[in-house]
Amino acid sequence: MTTAVDLSTRVVLTDVRKEYVTAGESVLALDSTSLTFEPEEFVCVVGPSGCGKTTLLQMLAGFQEPTEGTIMVGNTHIKGPDPDRGVVFQHSNLYPWLSVRKNVEFGLKMRGVPRAERAAEADRMLELVGLELYGDRKPYELSGGQQQRCQIARVLITDPRIILMDEPFGALDAMTREKLQLELLDLWRERRKTVFFVTHSVEEAIFLGTRVIVMGARPGRVIYDRKVWFKGDNQQPTDTAIRSTPEFVAMRDEVAAKIYEAQGLIGATVALH
C-alpha cells in the first residue's frame, strides 16, 4: 500500500533571480533558476563559495526575497519566514542564558503552548536526539555536536513541513560529523520531512541526499541536478559502508568533476570531504 504524499509541501522556484547592490554596483548572486522539490525529498546542494547556495536557502526560508521570479510552497507564495519552514544554521545560535530544555521549547512558548505541555514535548525531542540527560544544562556545557542536536530538536519541536539546513555540520570534527549524519538520516526516515541541505562536501551531499544539486559561481546557477540513483526512491543508507561502493565513488567523481569544470580546475586535486 502506497502512503499518500502531501503535495502542499512541494516547492517550486520559477525563474528566480537575485541581485545585490554593493558599493553602488549590482552583483548577480543567483541567475535565473527554476527548480521543483518534491515532498519528502532530501535535497543536498553543493558548490564552491559564492555560488548562491546560502542565498537560495535564505530565499526559501523567507529571509530574503528574489529580485525576480517566484517561490511557492504548495499554492502559497513565500513572502517571509513561516513556522512550516524550520532553519538549522551552521552555528547553533542557542540562547546562552536558557537551559537546553528551555531552548528547545522556546518555539512552543512563542505559540502560547502551556508550560507543562511544552516541557513534556521538549523532553520528548531531547530523547529523540539523544540529549535526555542534558535538559537542565546550559548550552556552553555541551559539545559542538550536542549543540547541533539541540538546535535540530528546537526546529523539530514546532513540526515544520520543510527543514532548511545551512552547513549544520561544517564546523564539527570528522567523527562527530559522521555520527550526526547517521542520526539525521534516522530522523528523516522517522519524520519524512522535506529537507534542503547546503554543504561544501561532495561526500556528505551524496551520503545524505536522495538528490544532489551542484551550483556554479559568478553568477550562481544550477549546473548539475541528479537523483542519487543507487539508493532507490527516497531510500537512505543505515551505515557508512555505502561510501566505498562503486556506485557512490562513481557519483562522487561525477559531481566533483562538475565542480572542477565550473571552477576551471580540471586535473586539480581538491578535497572531497
C-alpha atoms as a PDB file:
ATOM      1  CA  MET A   1       0.000   0.000   0.000  1.00  0.00           C
ATOM      2  CA  THR A   2       1.410   3.375  -1.026  1.00  0.00           C
ATOM      3  CA  THR A   3       1.288   6.217   1.509  1.00  0.00           C
ATOM      4  CA  ALA A   4      -0.306   9.411   0.184  1.00  0.00           C
ATOM      5  CA  VAL A   5       2.132  12.301  -0.185  1.00  0.00           C
ATOM      6  CA  ASP A   6       1.090  15.794   0.895  1.00  0.00           C
ATOM      7  CA  LEU A   7       1.646  17.884  -2.240  1.00  0.00           C
ATOM      8  CA  SER A   8       1.176  21.075  -0.232  1.00  0.00           C
ATOM      9  CA  THR A   9       4.884  20.752   0.642  1.00  0.00           C
ATOM     10  CA  ARG A  10       6.035  20.756  -2.986  1.00  0.00           C
ATOM     11  CA  VAL A  11       8.441  23.673  -3.515  1.00  0.00           C
ATOM     12  CA  VAL A  12       8.534  25.330  -6.936  1.00  0.00           C
ATOM     13  CA  LEU A  13      11.011  28.006  -7.980  1.00  0.00           C
ATOM     14  CA  THR A  14      10.239  29.734 -11.266  1.00  0.00           C
ATOM     15  CA  ASP A  15      12.810  31.984 -12.973  1.00  0.00           C
ATOM     16  CA  VAL A  16      14.256  33.059  -9.617  1.00  0.00           C
ATOM     17  CA  ARG A  17      16.960  35.675  -9.831  1.00  0.00           C
ATOM     18  CA  LYS A  18      18.747  37.544  -7.021  1.00  0.00           C
ATOM     19  CA  GLU A  19      20.824  40.698  -7.302  1.00  0.00           C
ATOM     20  CA  TYR A  20      22.549  42.676  -4.570  1.00  0.00           C
ATOM     21  CA  VAL A  21      23.737  46.263  -4.761  1.00  0.00           C
ATOM     22  CA  THR A  22      27.158  46.644  -3.117  1.00  0.00           C
ATOM     23  CA  ALA A  23      29.052  49.941  -3.073  1.00  0.00           C
ATOM     24  CA  GLY A  24      26.752  51.216  -5.793  1.00  0.00           C
ATOM     25  CA  GLU A  25      27.376  48.209  -8.051  1.00  0.00           C
ATOM     26  CA  SER A  26      24.931  45.436  -8.881  1.00  0.00           C
ATOM     27  CA  VAL A  27      26.106  41.876  -8.130  1.00  0.00           C
ATOM     28  CA  LEU A  28      24.205  38.926  -9.594  1.00  0.00           C
ATOM     29  CA  ALA A  29      24.213  36.291  -6.825  1.00  0.00           C
ATOM     30  CA  LEU A  30      21.771  33.892  -8.476  1.00  0.00           C
ATOM     31  CA  ASP A  31      20.926  33.754 -12.158  1.00  0.00           C
ATOM     32  CA  SER A  32      17.515  32.728 -13.466  1.00  0.00           C
ATOM     33  CA  THR A  33      16.783  29.416 -11.723  1.00  0.00           C
ATOM     34  CA  SER A  34      13.789  27.082 -11.939  1.00  0.00           C
ATOM     35  CA  LEU A  35      13.576  24.029  -9.675  1.00  0.00           C
ATOM     36  CA  THR A  36      10.967  21.768  -8.119  1.00  0.00           C
ATOM     37  CA  PHE A  37      11.487  19.953  -4.793  1.00  0.00           C
ATOM     38  CA  GLU A  38       9.062  17.112  -4.219  1.00  0.00           C
ATOM     39  CA  PRO A  39       7.599  16.282  -0.782  1.00  0.00           C
ATOM     40  CA  GLU A  40       9.879  14.097   1.379  1.00  0.00           C
ATOM     41  CA  GLU A  41      12.917  14.639  -0.835  1.00  0.00           C
ATOM     42  CA  PHE A  42      16.281  15.094   0.861  1.00  0.00           C
ATOM     43  CA  VAL A  43      17.882  17.606  -1.492  1.00  0.00           C
ATOM     44  CA  CYS A  44      21.575  18.385  -0.998  1.00  0.00           C
ATOM     45  CA  VAL A  45      23.136  21.418  -2.654  1.00  0.00           C
ATOM     46  CA  VAL A  46      26.895  21.568  -3.066  1.00  0.00           C
ATOM     47  CA  GLY A  47      29.217  24.041  -4.741  1.00  0.00           C
ATOM     48  CA  PRO A  48      32.069  26.491  -4.182  1.00  0.00           C
ATOM     49  CA  SER A  49      31.824  29.607  -2.038  1.00  0.00           C
ATOM     50  CA  GLY A  50      29.885  32.382  -3.740  1.00  0.00           C
ATOM     51  CA  CYS A  51      27.731  30.094  -5.879  1.00  0.00           C
ATOM     52  CA  GLY A  52      24.435  31.173  -4.295  1.00  0.00           C
ATOM     53  CA  LYS A  53      23.749  28.132  -2.081  1.00  0.00           C
ATOM     54  CA  THR A  54      23.044  30.133   1.055  1.00  0.00           C
ATOM     55  CA  THR A  55      21.263  32.865  -0.902  1.00  0.00           C
ATOM     56  CA  LEU A  56      18.904  30.220  -2.274  1.00  0.00           C
ATOM     57  CA  LEU A  57      18.313  28.794   1.207  1.00  0.00           C
ATOM     58  CA  GLN A  58      17.622  32.243   2.653  1.00  0.00           C
ATOM     59  CA  MET A  59      15.026  32.894  -0.034  1.00  0.00           C
ATOM     60  CA  LEU A  60      13.401  29.524   0.682  1.00  0.00           C
ATOM     61  CA  ALA A  61      13.342  30.477   4.366  1.00  0.00           C
ATOM     62  CA  GLY A  62      11.775  33.833   3.537  1.00  0.00           C
ATOM     63  CA  PHE A  63      14.703  35.829   4.947  1.00  0.00           C
ATOM     64  CA  GLN A  64      15.263  37.407   1.540  1.00  0.00           C
ATOM     65  CA  GLU A  65      13.019  37.996  -1.465  1.00  0.00           C
ATOM     66  CA  PRO A  66      14.037  37.233  -5.046  1.00  0.00           C
ATOM     67  CA  THR A  67      14.750  40.171  -7.303  1.00  0.00           C
ATOM     68  CA  GLU A  68      12.746  38.389  -9.994  1.00  0.00           C
ATOM     69  CA  GLY A  69      10.707  35.204 -10.174  1.00  0.00           C
ATOM     70  CA  THR A  70       8.536  33.327  -7.700  1.00  0.00           C
ATOM     71  CA  ILE A  71       8.986  30.709  -4.976  1.00  0.00           C
ATOM     72  CA  MET A  72       5.942  28.721  -3.937  1.00  0.00           C
ATOM     73  CA  VAL A  73       5.226  26.070  -1.319  1.00  0.00           C
ATOM     74  CA  GLY A  74       2.091  24.288  -2.471  1.00  0.00           C
ATOM     75  CA  ASN A  75      -0.190  27.094  -3.602  1.00  0.00           C
ATOM     76  CA  THR A  76       1.386  29.737  -1.357  1.00  0.00           C
ATOM     77  CA  HIS A  77       3.965  32.319  -2.388  1.00  0.00           C
ATOM     78  CA  ILE A  78       6.892  32.637   0.018  1.00  0.00           C
ATOM     79  CA  LYS A  79       6.779  36.217   1.274  1.00  0.00           C
ATOM     80  CA  GLY A  80       8.613  35.821   4.583  1.00  0.00           C
ATOM     81  CA  PRO A  81       9.535  33.341   7.322  1.00  0.00           C
ATOM     82  CA  ASP A  82       6.913  30.768   8.298  1.00  0.00           C
ATOM     83  CA  PRO A  83       6.718  28.091  11.027  1.00  0.00           C
ATOM     84  CA  ASP A  84       6.223  25.490   8.303  1.00  0.00           C
ATOM     85  CA  ARG A  85       9.849  26.066   7.273  1.00  0.00           C
ATOM     86  CA  GLY A  86      12.390  25.353  10.013  1.00  0.00           C
ATOM     87  CA  VAL A  87      16.006  26.502   9.648  1.00  0.00           C
ATOM     88  CA  VAL A  88      19.121  24.837  11.110  1.00  0.00           C
ATOM     89  CA  PHE A  89      22.230  27.017  10.863  1.00  0.00           C
ATOM     90  CA  GLN A  90      25.936  26.141  10.843  1.00  0.00           C
ATOM     91  CA  HIS A  91      26.281  27.632  14.324  1.00  0.00           C
ATOM     92  CA  SER A  92      23.692  26.599  16.863  1.00  0.00           C
ATOM     93  CA  ASN A  93      22.575  30.122  17.892  1.00  0.00           C
ATOM     94  CA  LEU A  94      21.222  28.789  21.180  1.00  0.00           C
ATOM     95  CA  TYR A  95      20.239  31.259  23.886  1.00  0.00           C
ATOM     96  CA  PRO A  96      23.124  31.024  26.368  1.00  0.00           C
ATOM     97  CA  TRP A  97      21.056  32.171  29.367  1.00  0.00           C
ATOM     98  CA  LEU A  98      18.441  29.412  28.896  1.00  0.00           C
ATOM     99  CA  SER A  99      18.766  25.746  29.741  1.00  0.00           C
ATOM    100  CA  VAL A 100      18.897  23.189  26.963  1.00  0.00           C
ATOM    101  CA  ARG A 101      15.270  22.272  27.661  1.00  0.00           C
ATOM    102  CA  LYS A 102      14.139  25.903  27.619  1.00  0.00           C
ATOM    103  CA  ASN A 103      15.966  26.444  24.320  1.00  0.00           C
ATOM    104  CA  VAL A 104      14.160  23.510  22.757  1.00  0.00           C
ATOM    105  CA  GLU A 105      10.717  24.556  23.988  1.00  0.00           C
ATOM    106  CA  PHE A 106      11.180  28.222  23.010  1.00  0.00           C
ATOM    107  CA  GLY A 107       9.196  27.959  19.756  1.00  0.00           C
ATOM    108  CA  LEU A 108       6.225  26.436  21.571  1.00  0.00           C
ATOM    109  CA  LYS A 109       6.402  29.175  24.211  1.00  0.00           C
ATOM    110  CA  MET A 110       6.116  31.783  21.450  1.00  0.00           C
ATOM    111  CA  ARG A 111       2.973  29.980  20.255  1.00  0.00           C
ATOM    112  CA  GLY A 112       1.406  30.164  23.692  1.00  0.00           C
ATOM    113  CA  VAL A 113       1.584  26.448  24.445  1.00  0.00           C
ATOM    114  CA  PRO A 114       1.070  25.820  28.208  1.00  0.00           C
ATOM    115  CA  ARG A 115       4.236  25.333  30.255  1.00  0.00           C
ATOM    116  CA  ALA A 116       3.673  21.705  31.241  1.00  0.00           C
ATOM    117  CA  GLU A 117       2.773  20.681  27.706  1.00  0.00           C
ATOM    118  CA  ARG A 118       5.784  22.341  26.088  1.00  0.00           C
ATOM    119  CA  ALA A 119       8.169  20.963  28.748  1.00  0.00           C
ATOM    120  CA  ALA A 120       6.892  17.441  28.100  1.00  0.00           C
ATOM    121  CA  GLU A 121       7.286  17.876  24.355  1.00  0.00           C
ATOM    122  CA  ALA A 122      10.779  19.307  24.812  1.00  0.00           C
ATOM    123  CA  ASP A 123      11.769  16.254  26.853  1.00  0.00           C
ATOM    124  CA  ARG A 124      10.442  14.035  24.056  1.00  0.00           C
ATOM    125  CA  MET A 125      12.527  15.925  21.486  1.00  0.00           C
ATOM    126  CA  LEU A 126      15.627  15.737  23.686  1.00  0.00           C
ATOM    127  CA  GLU A 127      15.216  11.992  23.933  1.00  0.00           C
ATOM    128  CA  LEU A 128      14.789  11.815  20.163  1.00  0.00           C
ATOM    129  CA  VAL A 129      18.178  13.500  19.614  1.00  0.00           C
ATOM    130  CA  GLY A 130      19.956  11.724  22.476  1.00  0.00           C
ATOM    131  CA  LEU A 131      20.087  14.655  24.904  1.00  0.00           C
ATOM    132  CA  GLU A 132      17.598  13.432  27.507  1.00  0.00           C
ATOM    133  CA  LEU A 133      20.247  13.713  30.250  1.00  0.00           C
ATOM    134  CA  TYR A 134      21.220  17.292  29.369  1.00  0.00           C
ATOM    135  CA  GLY A 135      17.948  19.214  29.648  1.00  0.00           C
ATOM    136  CA  ASP A 136      18.980  21.227  32.712  1.00  0.00           C
ATOM    137  CA  ARG A 137      22.416  22.202  31.400  1.00  0.00           C
ATOM    138  CA  LYS A 138      23.316  25.443  29.673  1.00  0.00           C
ATOM    139  CA  PRO A 139      24.472  25.448  26.022  1.00  0.00           C
ATOM    140  CA  TYR A 140      28.089  26.229  26.955  1.00  0.00           C
ATOM    141  CA  GLU A 141      28.209  22.913  28.835  1.00  0.00           C
ATOM    142  CA  LEU A 142      27.544  20.980  25.614  1.00  0.00           C
ATOM    143  CA  SER A 143      29.983  19.884  22.925  1.00  0.00           C
ATOM    144  CA  GLY A 144      29.630  21.259  19.398  1.00  0.00           C
ATOM    145  CA  GLY A 145      27.818  18.132  18.252  1.00  0.00           C
ATOM    146  CA  GLN A 146      25.442  18.265  21.211  1.00  0.00           C
ATOM    147  CA  GLN A 147      24.678  21.915  20.500  1.00  0.00           C
ATOM    148  CA  GLN A 148      23.714  21.000  16.942  1.00  0.00           C
ATOM    149  CA  ARG A 149      21.489  18.186  18.235  1.00  0.00           C
ATOM    150  CA  CYS A 150      19.829  20.750  20.492  1.00  0.00           C
ATOM    151  CA  GLN A 151      19.312  23.106  17.557  1.00  0.00           C
ATOM    152  CA  ILE A 152      17.763  20.302  15.487  1.00  0.00           C
ATOM    153  CA  ALA A 153      15.433  19.434  18.396  1.00  0.00           C
ATOM    154  CA  ARG A 154      14.441  23.117  18.658  1.00  0.00           C
ATOM    155  CA  VAL A 155      13.438  23.063  14.983  1.00  0.00           C
ATOM    156  CA  LEU A 156      11.657  19.683  15.110  1.00  0.00           C
ATOM    157  CA  ILE A 157       9.515  20.592  18.124  1.00  0.00           C
ATOM    158  CA  THR A 158       7.470  23.039  16.036  1.00  0.00           C
ATOM    159  CA  ASP A 159       6.862  20.270  13.459  1.00  0.00           C
ATOM    160  CA  PRO A 160       7.778  22.195  10.276  1.00  0.00           C
ATOM    161  CA  ARG A 161       6.930  20.501   6.996  1.00  0.00           C
ATOM    162  CA  ILE A 162      10.196  21.643   5.388  1.00  0.00           C
ATOM    163  CA  ILE A 163      13.622  21.753   7.055  1.00  0.00           C
ATOM    164  CA  LEU A 164      16.348  24.014   5.649  1.00  0.00           C
ATOM    165  CA  MET A 165      19.891  23.231   6.812  1.00  0.00           C
ATOM    166  CA  ASP A 166      22.808  25.580   6.092  1.00  0.00           C
ATOM    167  CA  GLU A 167      26.048  23.595   6.560  1.00  0.00           C
ATOM    168  CA  PRO A 168      24.937  22.396  10.014  1.00  0.00           C
ATOM    169  CA  PHE A 169      27.881  20.014  10.449  1.00  0.00           C
ATOM    170  CA  GLY A 170      30.538  22.120   8.728  1.00  0.00           C
ATOM    171  CA  ALA A 171      32.305  23.224  11.930  1.00  0.00           C
ATOM    172  CA  LEU A 172      32.406  19.765  13.548  1.00  0.00           C
ATOM    173  CA  ASP A 173      35.212  17.216  13.632  1.00  0.00           C
ATOM    174  CA  ALA A 174      35.005  14.289  11.201  1.00  0.00           C
ATOM    175  CA  MET A 175      33.844  11.641  13.691  1.00  0.00           C
ATOM    176  CA  THR A 176      31.114  13.843  15.203  1.00  0.00           C
ATOM    177  CA  ARG A 177      30.021  14.898  11.739  1.00  0.00           C
ATOM    178  CA  GLU A 178      29.656  11.287  10.586  1.00  0.00           C
ATOM    179  CA  LYS A 179      27.677  10.355  13.699  1.00  0.00           C
ATOM    180  CA  LEU A 180      25.292  13.286  13.245  1.00  0.00           C
ATOM    181  CA  GLN A 181      24.828  12.429   9.575  1.00  0.00           C
ATOM    182  CA  LEU A 182      23.588   8.964  10.565  1.00  0.00           C
ATOM    183  CA  GLU A 183      21.357  10.418  13.283  1.00  0.00           C
ATOM    184  CA  LEU A 184      19.896  12.930  10.825  1.00  0.00           C
ATOM    185  CA  LEU A 185      19.047  10.127   8.406  1.00  0.00           C
ATOM    186  CA  ASP A 186      17.326   8.246  11.237  1.00  0.00           C
ATOM    187  CA  LEU A 187      15.241  11.344  11.981  1.00  0.00           C
ATOM    188  CA  TRP A 188      14.429  11.804   8.302  1.00  0.00           C
ATOM    189  CA  ARG A 189      13.278   8.188   7.975  1.00  0.00           C
ATOM    190  CA  GLU A 190      11.036   8.617  11.010  1.00  0.00           C
ATOM    191  CA  ARG A 191       9.647  12.087  10.269  1.00  0.00           C
ATOM    192  CA  ARG A 192       9.688  12.094   6.427  1.00  0.00           C
ATOM    193  CA  LYS A 193      10.187  15.836   6.143  1.00  0.00           C
ATOM    194  CA  THR A 194      11.323  17.625   3.008  1.00  0.00           C
ATOM    195  CA  VAL A 195      14.956  18.589   3.629  1.00  0.00           C
ATOM    196  CA  PHE A 196      17.048  21.172   1.777  1.00  0.00           C
ATOM    197  CA  PHE A 197      20.665  20.741   2.914  1.00  0.00           C
ATOM    198  CA  VAL A 198      23.541  23.063   1.931  1.00  0.00           C
ATOM    199  CA  THR A 199      27.097  21.723   2.162  1.00  0.00           C
ATOM    200  CA  HIS A 200      30.612  22.168   0.764  1.00  0.00           C
ATOM    201  CA  SER A 201      31.243  18.414   0.964  1.00  0.00           C
ATOM    202  CA  VAL A 202      30.611  16.238  -2.076  1.00  0.00           C
ATOM    203  CA  GLU A 203      30.625  13.048   0.012  1.00  0.00           C
ATOM    204  CA  GLU A 204      28.198  14.487   2.552  1.00  0.00           C
ATOM    205  CA  ALA A 205      25.821  15.555  -0.217  1.00  0.00           C
ATOM    206  CA  ILE A 206      25.744  12.096  -1.792  1.00  0.00           C
ATOM    207  CA  PHE A 207      25.601  10.230   1.519  1.00  0.00           C
ATOM    208  CA  LEU A 208      22.677  12.262   2.861  1.00  0.00           C
ATOM    209  CA  GLY A 209      20.758  13.208  -0.239  1.00  0.00           C
ATOM    210  CA  THR A 210      18.146  11.478  -2.326  1.00  0.00           C
ATOM    211  CA  ARG A 211      19.038  14.153  -4.884  1.00  0.00           C
ATOM    212  CA  VAL A 212      22.160  16.260  -5.404  1.00  0.00           C
ATOM    213  CA  ILE A 213      22.293  19.700  -6.988  1.00  0.00           C
ATOM    214  CA  VAL A 214      25.603  21.340  -7.932  1.00  0.00           C
ATOM    215  CA  MET A 215      25.797  25.106  -8.285  1.00  0.00           C
ATOM    216  CA  GLY A 216      28.413  27.088 -10.150  1.00  0.00           C
ATOM    217  CA  ALA A 217      29.527  30.596  -9.220  1.00  0.00           C
ATOM    218  CA  ARG A 218      29.678  34.061 -10.794  1.00  0.00           C
ATOM    219  CA  PRO A 219      26.805  34.094 -11.284  1.00  0.00           C
ATOM    220  CA  GLY A 220      25.214  31.398  -9.100  1.00  0.00           C
ATOM    221  CA  ARG A 221      23.403  28.837 -11.234  1.00  0.00           C
ATOM    222  CA  VAL A 222      22.492  25.149 -11.299  1.00  0.00           C
ATOM    223  CA  ILE A 223      24.981  23.126 -13.359  1.00  0.00           C
ATOM    224  CA  TYR A 224      24.014  19.592 -12.247  1.00  0.00           C
ATOM    225  CA  ASP A 225      20.837  18.044 -10.836  1.00  0.00           C
ATOM    226  CA  ARG A 226      20.510  14.300 -10.360  1.00  0.00           C
ATOM    227  CA  LYS A 227      18.820  11.791  -8.090  1.00  0.00           C
ATOM    228  CA  VAL A 228      21.129   9.526  -6.104  1.00  0.00           C
ATOM    229  CA  TRP A 229      20.026   6.645  -8.272  1.00  0.00           C
ATOM    230  CA  PHE A 230      21.636   3.757  -6.388  1.00  0.00           C
ATOM    231  CA  LYS A 231      19.591   4.387  -3.220  1.00  0.00           C
ATOM    232  CA  GLY A 232      16.191   3.883  -4.831  1.00  0.00           C
ATOM    233  CA  ASP A 233      13.229   6.206  -4.346  1.00  0.00           C
ATOM    234  CA  ASN A 234      13.697   8.194  -1.149  1.00  0.00           C
ATOM    235  CA  GLN A 235      15.742   5.411   0.464  1.00  0.00           C
ATOM    236  CA  GLN A 236      18.745   6.135   2.635  1.00  0.00           C
ATOM    237  CA  PRO A 237      21.743   4.164   3.954  1.00  0.00           C
ATOM    238  CA  THR A 238      21.800   2.956   7.556  1.00  0.00           C
ATOM    239  CA  ASP A 239      25.611   2.947   7.852  1.00  0.00           C
ATOM    240  CA  THR A 240      28.667   4.480   6.234  1.00  0.00           C
ATOM    241  CA  ALA A 241      29.697   1.381   4.233  1.00  0.00           C
ATOM    242  CA  ILE A 242      27.887   2.789   1.207  1.00  0.00           C
ATOM    243  CA  ARG A 243      30.707   5.340   0.790  1.00  0.00           C
ATOM    244  CA  SER A 244      33.039   2.624  -0.519  1.00  0.00           C
ATOM    245  CA  THR A 245      30.634   1.142  -3.086  1.00  0.00           C
ATOM    246  CA  PRO A 246      31.438   1.575  -6.804  1.00  0.00           C
ATOM    247  CA  GLU A 247      28.187   3.491  -7.338  1.00  0.00           C
ATOM    248  CA  PHE A 248      28.968   6.003  -4.596  1.00  0.00           C
ATOM    249  CA  VAL A 249      32.516   6.525  -5.833  1.00  0.00           C
ATOM    250  CA  ALA A 250      31.305   6.972  -9.420  1.00  0.00           C
ATOM    251  CA  MET A 251      28.777   9.636  -8.435  1.00  0.00           C
ATOM    252  CA  ARG A 252      31.323  11.343  -6.178  1.00  0.00           C
ATOM    253  CA  ASP A 253      33.738  11.623  -9.101  1.00  0.00           C
ATOM    254  CA  GLU A 254      30.948  12.803 -11.401  1.00  0.00           C
ATOM    255  CA  VAL A 255      29.839  15.561  -9.017  1.00  0.00           C
ATOM    256  CA  ALA A 256      33.413  16.616  -8.266  1.00  0.00           C
ATOM    257  CA  ALA A 257      34.171  16.842 -11.988  1.00  0.00           C
ATOM    258  CA  LYS A 258      31.240  19.233 -12.443  1.00  0.00           C
ATOM    259  CA  ILE A 259      32.543  21.468  -9.658  1.00  0.00           C
ATOM    260  CA  TYR A 260      36.100  21.373 -11.009  1.00  0.00           C
ATOM    261  CA  GLU A 261      34.851  22.172 -14.503  1.00  0.00           C
ATOM    262  CA  ALA A 262      32.856  25.166 -13.283  1.00  0.00           C
ATOM    263  CA  GLN A 263      35.923  26.499 -11.464  1.00  0.00           C
ATOM    264  CA  GLY A 264      38.341  25.821 -14.307  1.00  0.00           C
ATOM    265  CA  LEU A 265      40.175  23.251 -12.160  1.00  0.00           C
ATOM    266  CA  ILE A 266      40.182  20.255 -14.469  1.00  0.00           C
ATOM    267  CA  GLY A 267      43.004  17.960 -13.380  1.00  0.00           C
ATOM    268  CA  ALA A 268      43.431  19.669  -9.990  1.00  0.00           C
ATOM    269  CA  THR A 269      43.297  17.826  -6.682  1.00  0.00           C
ATOM    270  CA  VAL A 270      40.521  19.176  -4.455  1.00  0.00           C
ATOM    271  CA  ALA A 271      39.238  17.788  -1.131  1.00  0.00           C
ATOM    272  CA  LEU A 272      36.003  15.845  -1.461  1.00  0.00           C
ATOM    273  CA  HIS A 273      35.152  15.547   2.229  1.00  0.00           C
END
